[in-house]
Protein backbone atom coordinates (compact mmCIF):
# COMPACT_ATOMS: atom_id res chain seq x y z
CA UNK A 1 73.80 -176.65 65.20
CA UNK A 2 76.52 -179.03 64.15
CA UNK A 3 75.36 -182.67 63.82
CA UNK A 4 78.36 -184.68 65.24
CA UNK A 5 76.57 -188.03 65.24
CA UNK A 6 78.75 -190.67 63.59
CA UNK A 7 77.17 -193.02 61.05
CA UNK A 8 77.03 -196.57 62.18
CA UNK A 9 79.12 -197.94 59.21
CA UNK A 10 82.24 -195.99 60.15
CA UNK A 11 85.45 -197.67 61.18
CA UNK A 12 86.82 -196.87 64.63
CA UNK A 13 90.52 -196.33 64.98
CA UNK A 14 93.15 -195.32 67.46
CA UNK A 15 95.55 -192.73 66.07
CA UNK A 16 98.99 -192.51 67.55
CA UNK A 17 100.71 -189.24 66.79
CA UNK A 18 104.34 -189.06 67.85
CA UNK A 19 106.16 -185.83 68.52
CA UNK A 20 109.93 -185.70 68.41
CA UNK A 21 111.19 -183.40 71.02
CA UNK A 22 114.01 -181.04 69.92
CA UNK A 23 115.82 -178.10 71.40
CA UNK A 24 115.53 -174.79 69.47
CA UNK A 25 116.70 -171.48 70.72
CA UNK A 26 116.79 -172.91 74.27
CA UNK A 27 113.15 -174.20 74.11
CA UNK A 28 111.78 -177.63 73.85
CA UNK A 29 109.72 -178.08 70.65
CA UNK A 30 108.11 -180.92 68.84
CA UNK A 31 106.59 -181.75 65.52
CA UNK A 32 103.63 -184.16 65.40
CA UNK A 33 103.31 -186.91 62.84
CA UNK A 34 101.00 -189.88 62.47
CA UNK A 35 103.08 -192.82 63.75
CA UNK A 36 100.50 -195.58 63.51
CA UNK A 37 96.82 -196.34 63.28
CA UNK A 38 95.06 -199.26 65.03
CA UNK A 39 91.57 -200.50 64.07
CA UNK A 40 88.95 -201.42 66.62
CA UNK A 41 85.49 -203.14 66.21
CA UNK A 42 83.55 -200.47 68.05
CA UNK A 43 83.87 -197.11 69.91
CA UNK A 44 84.10 -198.79 73.21
CA UNK A 45 86.81 -201.11 72.00
CA UNK A 46 88.64 -198.20 70.62
CA UNK A 47 88.46 -196.34 73.90
CA UNK A 48 89.95 -199.39 75.71
CA UNK A 49 92.63 -199.87 72.97
CA UNK A 50 93.54 -196.12 73.35
CA UNK A 51 94.03 -196.34 77.05
CA UNK A 52 96.16 -199.57 76.66
CA UNK A 53 98.22 -197.87 73.93
CA UNK A 54 98.83 -194.89 76.20
CA UNK A 55 100.20 -197.20 78.87
CA UNK A 56 102.38 -199.21 76.45
CA UNK A 57 103.43 -197.32 73.25
CA UNK A 58 107.04 -196.36 73.04
CA UNK A 59 108.00 -193.74 70.42
CA UNK A 60 111.00 -194.80 68.24
CA UNK A 61 113.24 -192.10 69.55
CA UNK A 62 113.08 -193.49 73.04
CA UNK A 63 116.15 -195.70 73.65
CA UNK A 64 115.52 -198.85 75.57
CA UNK A 65 117.79 -201.91 76.07
CA UNK A 66 116.20 -205.32 75.81
CA UNK A 67 113.94 -206.03 78.75
CA UNK A 68 113.87 -202.37 79.96
CA UNK A 69 110.61 -200.67 80.67
CA UNK A 70 110.18 -197.03 79.76
CA UNK A 71 109.16 -194.46 82.25
CA UNK A 72 106.01 -192.51 81.41
CA UNK A 73 103.49 -189.91 82.41
CA UNK A 74 100.04 -190.39 80.97
CA UNK A 75 97.55 -187.57 80.85
CA UNK A 76 93.83 -187.76 79.98
CA UNK A 77 93.08 -184.52 78.17
CA UNK A 78 89.55 -182.97 78.45
CA UNK A 79 88.91 -183.57 74.75
CA UNK A 80 89.21 -187.29 75.37
CA UNK A 81 92.62 -187.84 73.97
CA UNK A 82 95.73 -189.01 75.86
CA UNK A 83 99.03 -187.16 76.05
CA UNK A 84 102.02 -189.33 76.98
CA UNK A 85 105.53 -188.49 77.83
CA UNK A 86 107.84 -191.45 77.57
CA UNK A 87 111.41 -191.58 78.94
CA UNK A 88 114.15 -194.03 78.29
CA UNK A 89 117.93 -194.53 78.59
CA UNK A 90 120.47 -191.67 78.00
CA UNK A 91 117.76 -189.19 78.74
CA UNK A 92 115.88 -189.99 75.59
CA UNK A 93 112.37 -188.71 75.56
CA UNK A 94 109.40 -188.83 73.37
CA UNK A 95 105.82 -187.45 73.34
CA UNK A 96 102.81 -189.17 71.86
CA UNK A 97 99.19 -188.22 71.52
CA UNK A 98 96.61 -191.03 71.31
CA UNK A 99 93.14 -190.28 70.00
CA UNK A 100 90.09 -192.31 69.27
CA UNK A 101 88.70 -191.41 65.82
CA UNK A 102 85.91 -192.46 63.49
CA UNK A 103 87.16 -193.06 60.02
CA UNK A 104 84.31 -191.47 57.97
CA UNK A 105 85.89 -191.30 54.55
CA UNK A 106 88.67 -193.11 52.75
CA UNK A 107 89.93 -192.86 49.16
CA UNK A 108 92.76 -194.82 47.57
CA UNK A 109 95.44 -193.11 45.58
CA UNK A 110 95.00 -193.02 41.88
CA UNK A 111 97.85 -191.81 39.67
CA UNK A 112 97.00 -189.17 36.99
CA UNK A 113 96.38 -190.58 33.44
CA UNK A 114 99.47 -190.57 31.33
CA UNK A 115 99.43 -188.24 28.45
CA UNK A 116 100.32 -189.88 25.12
CA UNK A 117 103.85 -189.38 23.81
CA UNK A 118 104.35 -186.89 21.17
CA UNK A 119 103.46 -188.16 17.76
CA UNK A 120 101.27 -191.04 19.08
CA UNK A 121 97.73 -191.23 17.63
CA UNK A 122 94.84 -192.53 19.73
CA UNK A 123 92.97 -193.38 16.71
CA UNK A 124 90.36 -190.76 17.25
CA UNK A 125 90.41 -189.53 13.65
CA UNK A 126 91.84 -186.20 14.62
């Protein structure tokens, strides 16, 4: 059996994946990318933030003039995520998926060590 219990020291986040809709061979298609991540203090706070984000987030490809409010359809998916269709001016449309997640591991980028230039001695007696 899989143990899906989340350790208490994790960081709770809301992931917003945006999907740009495009037409390809007469079909609507989209590609998901991680648009933003928002931290929360607890799982319950992350759940509330996810719902608020589903009602307010506007993907960058949706055109809105100043003061305009986007149209949207918000769906709660059985896995607990939110799928949102957002519409703006000039028939612009965007999709986003909002998910509550536990950040269980994080590592910062470390560049590879640089190799010495040819002819440089490191003083190792070689």
